[in-house]
């Protein structure tokens, strides 16, 4: 009976490996906008925007002054590099809570919620995605849409 139990334990151990596959050690992030080499880049897990920027070729019109290069990227994120002409708008992907709080209808508590949402779920893919943040609905979005960019 003991050899039979040993067989069951080995068999069960083999099944566990199939149930819990290893997490990928890399992510893919797309870059669009005012860059010379738009496309998808493969990076290590927990890479930051700063890490990504080592592969991105900027143009004369590129503006990265508002990018928070310490933001950790997630698999499937899309980073859009804006041109200088769109600087009047605040980036909901890279602005800190203080910058977001300057938007119409956004106070310090809502700004903190936006940053927390971004940290949990990754970068916003379009400006309408800000409505996924608790407390931002159609009416508030209508006030924001002309003042924000991704």
Foldseek 3Di string as FASTA:
>chain_A
DVVVVVVVVVVVVVVVCVVDDDDDQWAKEFEEEQFPDTDIDIGGAQQWQLNVVVVTHGDPQWDCPQAPRNQGADHPHYHYTYGPVLVQAAELFGHALVVVCVAPPRHSVQSVQSVVCCNVPNGDPFLVCSCVRPPDDDVNCVSRVVRYGD
